[in-house]
Protein backbone atom coordinates (compact mmCIF):
# COMPACT_ATOMS: atom_id res chain seq x y z
CA MET A 1 -22.79 -4.59 -8.15
CA ALA A 2 -25.68 -2.98 -9.71
CA ARG A 3 -25.77 1.34 -9.55
CA ALA A 4 -28.64 0.90 -7.52
CA GLU A 5 -27.20 -1.04 -4.46
CA VAL A 6 -24.65 1.43 -5.05
CA GLN A 7 -26.51 4.47 -3.75
CA SER A 8 -28.52 2.34 -1.49
CA ASN A 9 -25.52 3.00 0.87
CA PHE A 10 -24.89 -0.02 3.02
CA TYR A 11 -23.44 1.79 5.42
CA GLU A 12 -25.98 4.29 5.84
CA ILE A 13 -28.05 0.76 6.47
CA LEU A 14 -26.39 -0.45 9.01
CA ARG A 15 -25.48 2.56 10.30
CA VAL A 16 -22.09 2.22 10.96
CA GLY A 17 -19.47 4.88 9.61
CA ARG A 18 -17.34 3.64 6.64
CA ASP A 19 -14.27 2.93 9.12
CA ALA A 20 -16.37 0.25 10.70
CA SER A 21 -14.77 -2.57 11.84
CA ALA A 22 -16.40 -6.01 11.24
CA GLY A 23 -17.15 -6.44 14.73
CA VAL A 24 -18.95 -3.40 14.99
CA VAL A 25 -20.89 -4.29 11.24
CA ARG A 26 -21.84 -7.77 12.99
CA GLU A 27 -23.07 -6.00 16.10
CA SER A 28 -25.09 -3.79 14.15
CA TYR A 29 -26.68 -6.10 11.81
CA ARG A 30 -27.74 -7.82 14.56
CA ARG A 31 -29.17 -5.35 16.38
CA LEU A 32 -31.15 -4.41 13.65
CA MET A 33 -32.46 -8.01 12.88
CA GLN A 34 -33.18 -8.95 16.11
CA HIS A 35 -33.42 -6.14 19.10
CA ALA A 36 -35.02 -3.51 16.45
CA GLY A 37 -37.61 -5.94 14.87
CA ASN A 38 -36.50 -5.98 11.60
CA HIS A 39 -36.53 -9.31 11.39
CA PRO A 40 -39.32 -11.28 8.99
CA ASP A 41 -40.54 -13.43 12.14
CA ARG A 42 -40.81 -10.49 14.22
CA GLY A 43 -42.64 -8.43 12.21
CA GLY A 44 -40.60 -7.02 10.33
CA ASP A 45 -40.80 -5.90 6.44
CA THR A 46 -39.55 -8.44 4.00
CA LYS A 47 -38.14 -5.76 1.81
CA THR A 48 -36.07 -4.16 4.63
CA ALA A 49 -34.75 -7.06 5.96
CA ALA A 50 -33.42 -8.08 2.46
CA LEU A 51 -31.37 -4.48 2.44
CA ILE A 52 -30.40 -5.57 5.71
CA ASN A 53 -29.16 -8.89 4.85
CA LYS A 54 -27.75 -8.12 1.68
CA ALA A 55 -25.99 -4.71 2.90
CA TYR A 56 -24.34 -7.06 5.57
CA SER A 57 -22.67 -9.94 2.82
CA VAL A 58 -21.30 -7.44 1.33
CA LEU A 59 -19.85 -5.42 4.17
CA SER A 60 -18.44 -8.98 5.87
CA ASP A 61 -16.72 -9.82 2.84
CA PRO A 62 -13.10 -8.13 3.01
CA ASP A 63 -13.41 -8.42 -0.96
CA GLN A 64 -16.79 -7.71 -1.48
CA ARG A 65 -16.59 -4.65 1.01
CA ARG A 66 -13.34 -3.83 -0.74
CA ASP A 67 -15.45 -3.60 -4.42
CA TYR A 68 -18.23 -1.81 -3.00
CA ASP A 69 -15.89 0.83 -1.71
CA HIS A 70 -14.33 1.50 -4.73
CA ARG A 71 -17.70 2.15 -6.76
CA LEU A 72 -19.07 3.95 -3.45
CA ASP A 73 -16.06 6.48 -3.91
CA ILE A 74 -16.90 6.32 -8.16
CA LEU A 75 -20.25 7.22 -7.51
CA GLN A 76 -19.77 10.31 -5.01
CA HIS A 77 -16.95 12.06 -7.23
CA VAL A 78 -19.47 11.42 -10.23
CA THR A 79 -21.88 13.36 -8.05
CA ALA A 80 -19.78 16.28 -6.72
CA GLY A 81 -18.70 16.49 -10.43
CA ILE A 82 -15.20 15.44 -9.60
CA ALA A 83 -13.10 13.23 -12.36
CA VAL A 84 -13.35 9.32 -11.83
CA GLU A 85 -9.85 9.18 -12.77
CA PRO A 86 -7.02 11.51 -11.67
CA VAL A 87 -4.62 13.24 -14.80
CA ARG A 88 -1.75 10.83 -14.70
CA LYS A 89 1.48 11.45 -14.11
CA ALA A 90 3.66 10.96 -17.82
CA LEU A 91 6.24 8.71 -16.84
CA ASP A 92 9.56 7.68 -17.58
CA PRO A 93 10.49 3.98 -17.16
CA ARG A 94 13.72 5.04 -17.47
CA LEU A 95 14.15 6.33 -14.62
CA VAL A 96 10.84 5.44 -12.35
CA CYS A 97 9.14 2.21 -11.98
CA MET A 98 5.56 2.20 -14.51
CA PHE A 99 3.74 0.66 -10.67
CA CYS A 100 4.91 2.34 -8.08
CA GLU A 101 6.60 5.20 -9.15
CA GLN A 102 9.45 4.76 -7.37
CA PRO A 103 12.85 5.33 -9.16
CA HIS A 104 15.29 2.72 -9.47
CA GLY A 105 18.26 3.94 -11.69
CA VAL A 106 18.52 1.23 -13.77
CA VAL A 107 19.83 0.77 -17.26
CA CYS A 108 16.93 -1.39 -17.98
CA HIS A 109 18.28 -2.53 -21.49
CA ASP A 110 21.27 -4.18 -20.37
CA ALA A 111 19.56 -6.01 -17.24
CA PRO A 112 16.38 -6.66 -18.68
CA GLU A 113 15.88 -9.49 -16.11
CA VAL A 114 15.60 -7.24 -13.25
CA GLY A 115 12.73 -6.09 -10.80
CA CYS A 116 12.20 -2.98 -9.45
CA GLU A 117 13.31 -3.39 -5.47
CA VAL A 118 9.96 -1.51 -4.16
CA CYS A 119 7.00 -3.76 -5.82
CA GLY A 120 9.02 -6.02 -7.63
CA SER A 121 7.28 -4.69 -10.70
CA PRO A 122 9.39 -5.57 -14.69
CA LEU A 123 11.27 -2.62 -15.37
CA ARG A 124 12.31 -2.81 -19.49
CA SER A 125 9.17 -0.88 -21.40
CA VAL A 126 7.72 -3.17 -24.45
CA ALA A 127 8.17 -0.06 -26.80
CA ASN A 128 7.94 -1.38 -30.39
CA LYS A 129 11.94 0.28 -30.32
CA ARG A 130 13.19 -1.24 -27.49
CA MET A 131 11.16 -5.11 -28.20
CA ASP A 132 14.01 -7.08 -29.57
CA ALA A 133 12.82 -9.87 -32.02
CA ALA A 134 13.53 -12.60 -29.47
CA ASP A 135 11.28 -11.50 -26.87
CA GLN A 136 8.66 -10.76 -29.58
CA ARG A 137 9.16 -14.68 -30.71
CA ALA A 138 8.89 -15.81 -26.82
CA VAL A 139 5.74 -13.89 -26.19
CA HIS A 140 4.14 -15.77 -29.76
CA ARG A 141 4.98 -18.70 -28.11
CA LEU A 142 3.02 -18.42 -25.00
CA ASP A 143 0.03 -20.43 -24.60
CA LYS A 144 -2.97 -18.07 -25.24
CA ARG A 145 -4.72 -19.56 -21.90
CA LEU A 146 -3.14 -18.03 -19.47
CA ASP A 147 -3.49 -17.45 -15.24
CA LEU A 148 -3.00 -14.69 -13.87
CA THR A 149 -3.12 -12.54 -10.87
CA PHE A 150 -3.14 -8.96 -11.10
CA PHE A 151 -2.88 -5.85 -9.10
CA THR A 152 -3.91 -2.90 -9.47
CA HIS A 153 -2.64 -0.51 -6.63
CA TRP A 154 0.72 -0.81 -5.09
CA GLN A 155 0.50 -2.53 -1.66
CA GLN A 156 -2.38 -4.58 -2.77
CA PRO A 157 -2.06 -7.94 0.06
CA ILE A 158 -3.58 -10.02 -2.46
CA GLY A 159 -4.16 -10.55 -5.97
CA PHE A 160 -6.80 -10.64 -8.05
CA ALA A 161 -7.98 -13.67 -9.74
CA ALA A 162 -7.95 -13.88 -14.11
CA ARG A 163 -7.13 -16.19 -17.22
CA THR A 164 -5.77 -14.80 -20.24
CA GLU A 165 -7.49 -14.86 -24.00
CA ASP A 166 -5.23 -13.87 -25.87
CA ILE A 167 -1.49 -12.94 -25.62
CA SER A 168 0.56 -10.51 -28.05
CA PRO A 169 4.41 -8.57 -27.72
CA GLN A 170 1.86 -5.84 -26.88
CA GLY A 171 -0.82 -6.77 -24.34
CA LEU A 172 -3.23 -8.72 -23.96
CA ARG A 173 -7.31 -9.87 -23.23
CA MET A 174 -8.32 -11.39 -20.13
CA VAL A 175 -11.18 -11.92 -18.34
CA THR A 176 -12.02 -11.56 -14.34
CA ARG A 177 -14.82 -11.45 -12.28
CA ARG A 178 -13.28 -8.88 -10.55
CA ASP A 179 -14.63 -4.58 -10.99
CA ILE A 180 -11.80 -2.71 -13.40
CA ARG A 181 -12.60 -0.10 -15.89
CA SER A 182 -10.84 2.16 -18.99
CA GLY A 183 -7.48 3.04 -17.82
CA GLN A 184 -6.64 1.63 -15.27
CA ARG A 185 -2.93 0.57 -14.11
CA ILE A 186 -2.47 -3.16 -13.23
CA ARG A 187 0.47 -5.67 -12.63
CA LEU A 188 0.28 -8.83 -13.79
CA VAL A 189 2.19 -11.83 -12.37
CA SER A 190 2.04 -15.17 -13.97
CA ASP A 191 4.54 -18.40 -14.16
CA ILE A 192 5.52 -17.16 -17.08
CA LEU A 193 5.46 -13.39 -17.38
CA GLU A 194 4.96 -10.08 -15.25
CA ALA A 195 4.15 -6.96 -16.78
CA VAL A 196 2.94 -3.64 -16.06
CA GLY A 197 -0.14 -1.89 -18.30
CA ASP A 198 -3.16 -0.01 -18.42
CA ILE A 199 -6.42 -1.13 -19.69
CA THR A 200 -7.39 0.17 -22.96
CA HIS A 201 -10.70 -1.32 -22.92
CA CYS A 202 -13.43 -3.35 -20.44
CA VAL A 203 -17.25 -4.46 -21.21
CA PRO A 204 -18.90 -6.93 -18.91
CA ARG A 205 -19.29 -10.52 -20.68
CA HIS A 206 -23.20 -12.08 -19.75
CA THR A 207 -23.13 -15.75 -19.27
CA ARG A 208 -25.92 -18.37 -18.45
CA TRP A 209 -24.18 -18.53 -14.50
CA ARG A 210 -22.05 -15.13 -13.70
CA THR A 211 -21.04 -11.84 -15.65
CA GLU A 212 -17.59 -11.54 -16.29
CA ASN A 213 -15.34 -8.57 -16.93
CA VAL A 214 -13.19 -8.79 -20.73
CA ALA A 215 -10.73 -6.50 -20.62
CA GLY A 216 -7.94 -5.01 -23.19
CA VAL A 217 -4.32 -4.65 -21.68
CA ALA A 218 -1.73 -2.49 -23.12
CA PHE A 219 1.50 -3.54 -21.77
CA LEU A 220 4.16 -0.81 -20.37
CA THR A 221 7.10 -3.04 -19.34
CA LEU A 222 7.36 -6.70 -19.55
CA ARG A 223 9.70 -9.85 -18.23
CA LEU A 224 9.41 -13.20 -19.33
CA ALA A 225 10.10 -15.76 -16.47
CA ARG A 226 10.98 -18.22 -17.89
CA SER A 227 11.25 -20.84 -20.95
CA VAL A 228 8.17 -21.27 -22.68
CA GLY A 229 7.14 -24.61 -24.31
CA GLY A 230 10.88 -25.28 -26.80
CA PHE A 231 11.84 -21.92 -26.71
CA VAL A 232 14.01 -20.63 -24.44
CA SER A 233 14.30 -17.11 -23.04
CA ARG A 234 17.21 -15.27 -22.47
CA ARG A 235 15.55 -14.55 -19.30
CA ALA A 236 15.29 -18.09 -18.60
């Protein structure tokens, strides 16, 4: 979504508040297009009608609206001179979950397969001194093209789709059509591995048909979920 679209403020265009329900958004759109005479068939301006249609197409779709709200928050923070990314607390993975930040009380090196009781995220750190040879061999044998689901915050009901382009014991490179940003902490889930990591960088990649975001993710914690090819993980 372009910056100019966020600056237009779709909520103001539809004359609804940010907490407006889907029904309120729909009724306001109908009122503006039909009763207020903005529809071109009723003598309305085509550019105004196009902007109203664009606002409605975004705010009536839950996923697009969530992305738009996120971008709107960023713009409002920048305008107010507030840092977009709050300073992240220094967390110890031996004591708290790196995703939901809840204490876990698990001795992770003794039970590497155990997940957080609150959010299910893996707890074992992937710091070099903690990752043994078996873990590294397992990761190296993973298919570099892996379908993923990722979550940007705890209690997010539905994850976003992504695919990997490369995987190493310390992280991966993934491609997604969702909006993500450097410094964001995410949880990754697949049939083969689960991880919590930080996005180290994110750049757009334009193809003929669409724009994707290519992001690097540095693992903080990792759990291998099952056997990989001919190699059987200790977590299988």
